[in-house]
Amino acid sequence: MTQTQKIYEYLKTGKRLTAIEALKMFGCFRLAARIADLRNQGYTIWTDYVTVNNKTFAAYKLSK
């Protein structure tokens, strides 16, 4: 199973995913690229921007 497939299966559970989580869970260094792959396949994925300790990062979630 590819990283993109693993990420899609994870997002199908309704959870959101950040780059750090993707690195830990799937060994994925380029989550934004895998999200782009999924969007190119026709999936609608929302991007939420989260700020923690003055640092902002993306969290992705699959649209229902």
N, C-alpha and C. Protein backbone atom coordinates (compact mmCIF):
# COMPACT_ATOMS: atom_id res chain seq x y z
N MET A 1 0.86 -1.17 0.00
CA MET A 1 0.00 0.00 0.00
C MET A 1 0.91 1.24 0.00
N THR A 2 0.59 2.20 -0.83
CA THR A 2 1.39 3.42 -0.92
C THR A 2 1.09 4.37 0.24
N GLN A 3 1.97 5.36 0.43
CA GLN A 3 1.72 6.37 1.46
C GLN A 3 0.40 7.08 1.19
N THR A 4 0.15 7.40 -0.07
CA THR A 4 -1.09 8.10 -0.43
C THR A 4 -2.31 7.27 -0.03
N GLN A 5 -2.26 5.99 -0.30
CA GLN A 5 -3.38 5.11 0.06
C GLN A 5 -3.54 5.03 1.58
N LYS A 6 -2.43 4.93 2.30
CA LYS A 6 -2.49 4.87 3.76
C LYS A 6 -3.08 6.16 4.33
N ILE A 7 -2.67 7.28 3.78
CA ILE A 7 -3.18 8.57 4.24
C ILE A 7 -4.67 8.68 3.95
N TYR A 8 -5.09 8.24 2.77
CA TYR A 8 -6.52 8.27 2.44
C TYR A 8 -7.32 7.40 3.41
N GLU A 9 -6.84 6.20 3.69
CA GLU A 9 -7.53 5.31 4.61
C GLU A 9 -7.64 5.95 6.00
N TYR A 10 -6.59 6.63 6.43
CA TYR A 10 -6.62 7.31 7.72
C TYR A 10 -7.64 8.44 7.71
N LEU A 11 -7.62 9.25 6.65
CA LEU A 11 -8.55 10.38 6.57
C LEU A 11 -10.00 9.92 6.49
N LYS A 12 -10.24 8.75 5.92
CA LYS A 12 -11.60 8.20 5.84
C LYS A 12 -12.21 7.96 7.21
N THR A 13 -11.38 7.83 8.22
CA THR A 13 -11.90 7.59 9.58
C THR A 13 -12.50 8.86 10.17
N GLY A 14 -12.31 10.02 9.49
CA GLY A 14 -12.87 11.26 9.97
C GLY A 14 -11.90 12.09 10.79
N LYS A 15 -10.70 11.58 10.99
CA LYS A 15 -9.70 12.31 11.76
C LYS A 15 -8.95 13.28 10.85
N ARG A 16 -8.34 14.28 11.47
CA ARG A 16 -7.51 15.18 10.69
C ARG A 16 -6.06 14.75 10.84
N LEU A 17 -5.22 15.22 9.93
CA LEU A 17 -3.83 14.77 9.88
C LEU A 17 -2.90 15.96 9.67
N THR A 18 -1.85 16.03 10.48
CA THR A 18 -0.83 17.06 10.32
C THR A 18 0.45 16.41 9.76
N ALA A 19 1.37 17.25 9.35
CA ALA A 19 2.63 16.75 8.77
C ALA A 19 3.43 15.93 9.79
N ILE A 20 3.46 16.37 11.03
CA ILE A 20 4.20 15.64 12.07
C ILE A 20 3.57 14.26 12.29
N GLU A 21 2.25 14.22 12.33
CA GLU A 21 1.56 12.92 12.51
C GLU A 21 1.83 12.01 11.32
N ALA A 22 1.80 12.57 10.11
CA ALA A 22 2.04 11.77 8.91
C ALA A 22 3.46 11.21 8.91
N LEU A 23 4.41 11.99 9.38
CA LEU A 23 5.79 11.53 9.46
C LEU A 23 5.91 10.38 10.45
N LYS A 24 5.29 10.52 11.61
CA LYS A 24 5.36 9.49 12.64
C LYS A 24 4.62 8.22 12.23
N MET A 25 3.44 8.36 11.64
CA MET A 25 2.60 7.20 11.34
C MET A 25 2.96 6.51 10.03
N PHE A 26 3.32 7.31 9.02
CA PHE A 26 3.49 6.75 7.68
C PHE A 26 4.88 6.97 7.08
N GLY A 27 5.76 7.66 7.81
CA GLY A 27 7.09 7.96 7.28
C GLY A 27 7.03 8.93 6.11
N CYS A 28 6.00 9.76 6.08
CA CYS A 28 5.75 10.67 4.97
C CYS A 28 6.35 12.04 5.28
N PHE A 29 7.38 12.44 4.51
CA PHE A 29 8.01 13.73 4.70
C PHE A 29 7.29 14.85 3.95
N ARG A 30 6.46 14.50 2.96
CA ARG A 30 5.82 15.52 2.11
C ARG A 30 4.31 15.31 2.09
N LEU A 31 3.67 15.56 3.22
CA LEU A 31 2.23 15.37 3.33
C LEU A 31 1.48 16.23 2.33
N ALA A 32 1.89 17.48 2.14
CA ALA A 32 1.18 18.37 1.21
C ALA A 32 1.17 17.79 -0.20
N ALA A 33 2.24 17.13 -0.60
CA ALA A 33 2.30 16.50 -1.92
C ALA A 33 1.33 15.31 -2.00
N ARG A 34 1.24 14.53 -0.93
CA ARG A 34 0.31 13.39 -0.93
C ARG A 34 -1.13 13.89 -0.93
N ILE A 35 -1.40 15.00 -0.23
CA ILE A 35 -2.74 15.60 -0.24
C ILE A 35 -3.06 16.09 -1.65
N ALA A 36 -2.09 16.68 -2.32
CA ALA A 36 -2.28 17.13 -3.71
C ALA A 36 -2.59 15.94 -4.61
N ASP A 37 -1.92 14.81 -4.39
CA ASP A 37 -2.21 13.60 -5.16
C ASP A 37 -3.67 13.18 -4.97
N LEU A 38 -4.14 13.20 -3.72
CA LEU A 38 -5.52 12.81 -3.44
C LEU A 38 -6.51 13.79 -4.06
N ARG A 39 -6.20 15.06 -4.00
CA ARG A 39 -7.08 16.06 -4.62
C ARG A 39 -7.12 15.87 -6.13
N ASN A 40 -5.99 15.53 -6.73
CA ASN A 40 -5.95 15.27 -8.18
C ASN A 40 -6.75 14.03 -8.56
N GLN A 41 -6.93 13.13 -7.59
CA GLN A 41 -7.75 11.93 -7.82
C GLN A 41 -9.23 12.23 -7.63
N GLY A 42 -9.55 13.47 -7.23
CA GLY A 42 -10.95 13.87 -7.12
C GLY A 42 -11.50 13.97 -5.71
N TYR A 43 -10.68 13.71 -4.70
CA TYR A 43 -11.15 13.80 -3.33
C TYR A 43 -11.14 15.25 -2.86
N THR A 44 -12.13 15.62 -2.07
CA THR A 44 -12.19 16.95 -1.50
C THR A 44 -11.60 16.88 -0.10
N ILE A 45 -10.52 17.61 0.10
CA ILE A 45 -9.83 17.61 1.38
C ILE A 45 -9.73 19.04 1.87
N TRP A 46 -10.20 19.26 3.10
CA TRP A 46 -10.19 20.58 3.70
C TRP A 46 -8.86 20.81 4.40
N THR A 47 -8.41 22.04 4.38
CA THR A 47 -7.20 22.43 5.10
C THR A 47 -7.58 23.40 6.21
N ASP A 48 -7.28 23.00 7.43
CA ASP A 48 -7.45 23.89 8.59
C ASP A 48 -6.06 24.34 8.99
N TYR A 49 -5.94 25.60 9.38
CA TYR A 49 -4.65 26.10 9.87
C TYR A 49 -4.73 26.22 11.37
N VAL A 50 -3.80 25.58 12.04
CA VAL A 50 -3.77 25.51 13.50
C VAL A 50 -2.55 26.29 13.99
N THR A 51 -2.73 27.10 15.03
CA THR A 51 -1.62 27.84 15.60
C THR A 51 -1.41 27.37 17.04
N VAL A 52 -0.18 26.94 17.31
CA VAL A 52 0.21 26.50 18.64
C VAL A 52 1.56 27.16 18.94
N ASN A 53 1.65 27.85 20.05
CA ASN A 53 2.90 28.53 20.44
C ASN A 53 3.43 29.42 19.33
N ASN A 54 2.55 30.21 18.73
CA ASN A 54 2.90 31.13 17.65
C ASN A 54 3.43 30.45 16.40
N LYS A 55 3.17 29.15 16.24
CA LYS A 55 3.56 28.43 15.04
C LYS A 55 2.30 27.92 14.37
N THR A 56 2.17 28.19 13.08
CA THR A 56 0.98 27.80 12.34
C THR A 56 1.32 26.66 11.40
N PHE A 57 0.46 25.65 11.37
CA PHE A 57 0.65 24.52 10.48
C PHE A 57 -0.69 24.03 9.98
N ALA A 58 -0.65 23.25 8.90
CA ALA A 58 -1.87 22.76 8.26
C ALA A 58 -2.29 21.43 8.89
N ALA A 59 -3.61 21.26 8.98
CA ALA A 59 -4.21 19.99 9.39
C ALA A 59 -5.25 19.66 8.33
N TYR A 60 -5.16 18.49 7.74
CA TYR A 60 -6.01 18.11 6.62
C TYR A 60 -7.11 17.16 7.08
N LYS A 61 -8.29 17.33 6.46
CA LYS A 61 -9.43 16.47 6.78
C LYS A 61 -10.21 16.20 5.50
N LEU A 62 -10.65 14.97 5.34
CA LEU A 62 -11.42 14.56 4.17
C LEU A 62 -12.84 15.05 4.30
N SER A 63 -13.36 15.66 3.24
CA SER A 63 -14.74 16.12 3.24
C SER A 63 -15.66 14.91 3.11
N LYS A 64 -16.80 14.98 3.77
CA LYS A 64 -17.75 13.84 3.72
C LYS A 64 -18.55 13.86 2.45
